[in-house]
Amino acid sequence: VQLQASGGGLVQAGDSLRLSCTASERTYTTNALGWFRQAPGKEREFVAGFNRNTVTTEYAASVKGRFTISTNNAKNTVYLQMNSLKPEDTAVYYCASSFSILNMRLNLNNNWGQGTQVTVSS
């Protein structure tokens, strides 16, 4: 499975940005689609996940209420709508897929897309 991410950029604090990630195929390893991010000098962290079978979502506490994850199953695509962006949201964002959100959070055989840079200036 290949994941192709897009949509990063440079924005100001308070702005919005939408990331997209398209999977090359739908398999059991893409039941869950989601996003991670890695800021300079920090470990990669889970941001949001969407389980397409159970239609459930999970968010990191730091983004809950500001970010929304959604999918378009016909396009095999996951989106991350990011509102009220803060400088601390600056990071390289990676899309990922796995059998479940839990597996994805634990990085159990995740598929990974290439990163897309999001920079939020103050």
C-alpha atoms as a PDB file:
ATOM      1  CA  VAL A   1       0.000   0.000   0.000  1.00  0.00           C
ATOM      2  CA  GLN A   2       1.275   3.444  -0.905  1.00  0.00           C
ATOM      3  CA  LEU A   3       0.082   6.590   0.795  1.00  0.00           C
ATOM      4  CA  GLN A   4       0.413   9.954  -0.923  1.00  0.00           C
ATOM      5  CA  ALA A   5       0.064  13.033   1.259  1.00  0.00           C
ATOM      6  CA  SER A   6      -0.345  16.650   0.247  1.00  0.00           C
ATOM      7  CA  GLY A   7      -1.542  19.987   1.532  1.00  0.00           C
ATOM      8  CA  GLY A   8       1.159  21.313   3.819  1.00  0.00           C
ATOM      9  CA  GLY A   9       2.346  24.887   3.784  1.00  0.00           C
ATOM     10  CA  LEU A  10       3.224  28.053   5.669  1.00  0.00           C
ATOM     11  CA  VAL A  11       0.399  29.812   7.471  1.00  0.00           C
ATOM     12  CA  GLN A  12      -0.061  32.288  10.287  1.00  0.00           C
ATOM     13  CA  ALA A  13      -1.355  31.505  13.737  1.00  0.00           C
ATOM     14  CA  GLY A  14      -5.129  31.237  13.707  1.00  0.00           C
ATOM     15  CA  ASP A  15      -5.273  30.163  10.067  1.00  0.00           C
ATOM     16  CA  SER A  16      -6.598  26.889   8.694  1.00  0.00           C
ATOM     17  CA  LEU A  17      -5.060  24.228   6.505  1.00  0.00           C
ATOM     18  CA  ARG A  18      -6.285  20.908   5.110  1.00  0.00           C
ATOM     19  CA  LEU A  19      -4.081  17.901   4.538  1.00  0.00           C
ATOM     20  CA  SER A  20      -5.010  15.052   2.224  1.00  0.00           C
ATOM     21  CA  CYS A  21      -3.693  11.525   1.923  1.00  0.00           C
ATOM     22  CA  THR A  22      -4.732   8.976  -0.696  1.00  0.00           C
ATOM     23  CA  ALA A  23      -4.133   5.266  -0.333  1.00  0.00           C
ATOM     24  CA  SER A  24      -3.301   3.255  -3.437  1.00  0.00           C
ATOM     25  CA  GLU A  25      -5.726   0.478  -2.481  1.00  0.00           C
ATOM     26  CA  ARG A  26      -8.244  -0.545   0.124  1.00  0.00           C
ATOM     27  CA  THR A  27      -7.138  -3.526   2.161  1.00  0.00           C
ATOM     28  CA  TYR A  28      -7.430  -4.604   5.766  1.00  0.00           C
ATOM     29  CA  THR A  29      -4.257  -2.578   6.379  1.00  0.00           C
ATOM     30  CA  THR A  30      -6.133   0.589   5.475  1.00  0.00           C
ATOM     31  CA  ASN A  31      -9.132  -0.004   7.727  1.00  0.00           C
ATOM     32  CA  ALA A  32      -7.761   2.834   9.797  1.00  0.00           C
ATOM     33  CA  LEU A  33      -6.264   5.969   8.311  1.00  0.00           C
ATOM     34  CA  GLY A  34      -4.650   8.694  10.294  1.00  0.00           C
ATOM     35  CA  TRP A  35      -2.043  11.328  10.884  1.00  0.00           C
ATOM     36  CA  PHE A  36       1.096  11.673  12.948  1.00  0.00           C
ATOM     37  CA  ARG A  37       3.463  14.593  13.243  1.00  0.00           C
ATOM     38  CA  GLN A  38       7.064  15.154  14.178  1.00  0.00           C
ATOM     39  CA  ALA A  39       8.419  18.487  15.295  1.00  0.00           C
ATOM     40  CA  PRO A  40      12.156  19.241  15.223  1.00  0.00           C
ATOM     41  CA  GLY A  41      13.922  17.486  18.066  1.00  0.00           C
ATOM     42  CA  LYS A  42      10.808  15.607  19.127  1.00  0.00           C
ATOM     43  CA  GLU A  43       9.455  12.132  18.651  1.00  0.00           C
ATOM     44  CA  ARG A  44       6.733  11.374  16.156  1.00  0.00           C
ATOM     45  CA  GLU A  45       3.339  11.647  17.814  1.00  0.00           C
ATOM     46  CA  PHE A  46      -0.177  10.530  16.981  1.00  0.00           C
ATOM     47  CA  VAL A  47      -2.517  13.311  15.881  1.00  0.00           C
ATOM     48  CA  ALA A  48      -5.762  11.737  14.691  1.00  0.00           C
ATOM     49  CA  GLY A  49      -7.177   8.489  13.389  1.00  0.00           C
ATOM     50  CA  PHE A  50     -10.304   7.313  11.574  1.00  0.00           C
ATOM     51  CA  ASN A  51     -11.543   3.725  11.533  1.00  0.00           C
ATOM     52  CA  ARG A  52     -13.539   3.287   8.361  1.00  0.00           C
ATOM     53  CA  ASN A  53     -15.172   0.037   9.485  1.00  0.00           C
ATOM     54  CA  THR A  54     -16.493   1.311  12.792  1.00  0.00           C
ATOM     55  CA  VAL A  55     -16.687   4.977  11.711  1.00  0.00           C
ATOM     56  CA  THR A  56     -14.922   6.096  14.842  1.00  0.00           C
ATOM     57  CA  THR A  57     -12.307   8.757  15.378  1.00  0.00           C
ATOM     58  CA  GLU A  58      -9.611   9.485  17.916  1.00  0.00           C
ATOM     59  CA  TYR A  59      -7.645  12.644  18.513  1.00  0.00           C
ATOM     60  CA  ALA A  60      -4.638  13.708  20.496  1.00  0.00           C
ATOM     61  CA  ALA A  61      -5.634  15.965  23.354  1.00  0.00           C
ATOM     62  CA  SER A  62      -3.533  18.782  21.932  1.00  0.00           C
ATOM     63  CA  VAL A  63      -5.617  19.007  18.751  1.00  0.00           C
ATOM     64  CA  LYS A  64      -9.078  17.971  19.909  1.00  0.00           C
ATOM     65  CA  GLY A  65     -11.617  20.641  19.053  1.00  0.00           C
ATOM     66  CA  ARG A  66      -9.352  22.249  16.473  1.00  0.00           C
ATOM     67  CA  PHE A  67      -8.587  19.420  14.047  1.00  0.00           C
ATOM     68  CA  THR A  68     -11.109  17.215  12.268  1.00  0.00           C
ATOM     69  CA  ILE A  69     -10.322  13.977  10.492  1.00  0.00           C
ATOM     70  CA  SER A  70     -12.587  12.670   7.765  1.00  0.00           C
ATOM     71  CA  THR A  71     -12.505  10.257   4.871  1.00  0.00           C
ATOM     72  CA  ASN A  72     -13.826   9.887   1.359  1.00  0.00           C
ATOM     73  CA  ASN A  73     -14.007   6.149   0.852  1.00  0.00           C
ATOM     74  CA  ALA A  74     -14.776   6.462  -2.839  1.00  0.00           C
ATOM     75  CA  LYS A  75     -11.437   8.225  -3.237  1.00  0.00           C
ATOM     76  CA  ASN A  76      -9.659   6.153  -0.582  1.00  0.00           C
ATOM     77  CA  THR A  77      -8.598   9.443   0.923  1.00  0.00           C
ATOM     78  CA  VAL A  78      -8.277  10.785   4.433  1.00  0.00           C
ATOM     79  CA  TYR A  79      -8.332  14.478   5.264  1.00  0.00           C
ATOM     80  CA  LEU A  80      -7.136  16.449   8.237  1.00  0.00           C
ATOM     81  CA  GLN A  81      -8.825  19.816   8.580  1.00  0.00           C
ATOM     82  CA  MET A  82      -6.702  21.951  10.885  1.00  0.00           C
ATOM     83  CA  ASN A  83      -8.268  25.105  12.287  1.00  0.00           C
ATOM     84  CA  SER A  84      -7.004  27.669  14.759  1.00  0.00           C
ATOM     85  CA  LEU A  85      -3.452  26.637  14.045  1.00  0.00           C
ATOM     86  CA  LYS A  86      -0.785  27.443  16.621  1.00  0.00           C
ATOM     87  CA  PRO A  87       2.986  27.752  16.255  1.00  0.00           C
ATOM     88  CA  GLU A  88       3.321  24.556  18.283  1.00  0.00           C
ATOM     89  CA  ASP A  89       1.499  22.713  15.484  1.00  0.00           C
ATOM     90  CA  THR A  90       4.559  23.243  13.314  1.00  0.00           C
ATOM     91  CA  ALA A  91       5.853  19.839  12.270  1.00  0.00           C
ATOM     92  CA  VAL A  92       6.196  17.382   9.462  1.00  0.00           C
ATOM     93  CA  TYR A  93       2.879  15.595   9.176  1.00  0.00           C
ATOM     94  CA  TYR A  94       2.757  11.958   8.105  1.00  0.00           C
ATOM     95  CA  CYS A  95      -0.262   9.958   7.075  1.00  0.00           C
ATOM     96  CA  ALA A  96      -0.466   6.353   8.137  1.00  0.00           C
ATOM     97  CA  SER A  97      -2.715   3.342   7.853  1.00  0.00           C
ATOM     98  CA  SER A  98      -3.194   0.151   9.766  1.00  0.00           C
ATOM     99  CA  PHE A  99      -5.736  -2.485  10.716  1.00  0.00           C
ATOM    100  CA  SER A 100      -7.108  -0.405  13.573  1.00  0.00           C
ATOM    101  CA  ILE A 101      -6.520   2.949  15.247  1.00  0.00           C
ATOM    102  CA  LEU A 102      -4.971   1.159  18.220  1.00  0.00           C
ATOM    103  CA  ASN A 103      -2.560  -0.720  15.978  1.00  0.00           C
ATOM    104  CA  MET A 104      -1.744   2.511  14.207  1.00  0.00           C
ATOM    105  CA  ARG A 105      -1.045   4.343  17.454  1.00  0.00           C
ATOM    106  CA  LEU A 106       1.238   1.487  18.494  1.00  0.00           C
ATOM    107  CA  ASN A 107       2.893   1.544  15.044  1.00  0.00           C
ATOM    108  CA  LEU A 108       2.183  -2.132  14.470  1.00  0.00           C
ATOM    109  CA  ASN A 109       3.093  -2.629  10.820  1.00  0.00           C
ATOM    110  CA  ASN A 110       1.885   0.818   9.789  1.00  0.00           C
ATOM    111  CA  ASN A 111       1.944   1.911   6.196  1.00  0.00           C
ATOM    112  CA  TRP A 112       3.463   5.388   6.007  1.00  0.00           C
ATOM    113  CA  GLY A 113       3.183   8.185   3.531  1.00  0.00           C
ATOM    114  CA  GLN A 114       5.839  10.771   2.889  1.00  0.00           C
ATOM    115  CA  GLY A 115       5.774  13.754   5.199  1.00  0.00           C
ATOM    116  CA  THR A 116       4.330  17.135   4.419  1.00  0.00           C
ATOM    117  CA  GLN A 117       5.628  20.222   6.196  1.00  0.00           C
ATOM    118  CA  VAL A 118       3.258  22.447   8.129  1.00  0.00           C
ATOM    119  CA  THR A 119       4.730  25.672   9.452  1.00  0.00           C
ATOM    120  CA  VAL A 120       2.705  28.055  11.592  1.00  0.00           C
ATOM    121  CA  SER A 121       4.198  31.475  12.198  1.00  0.00           C
ATOM    122  CA  SER A 122       3.268  33.609  15.188  1.00  0.00           C
END
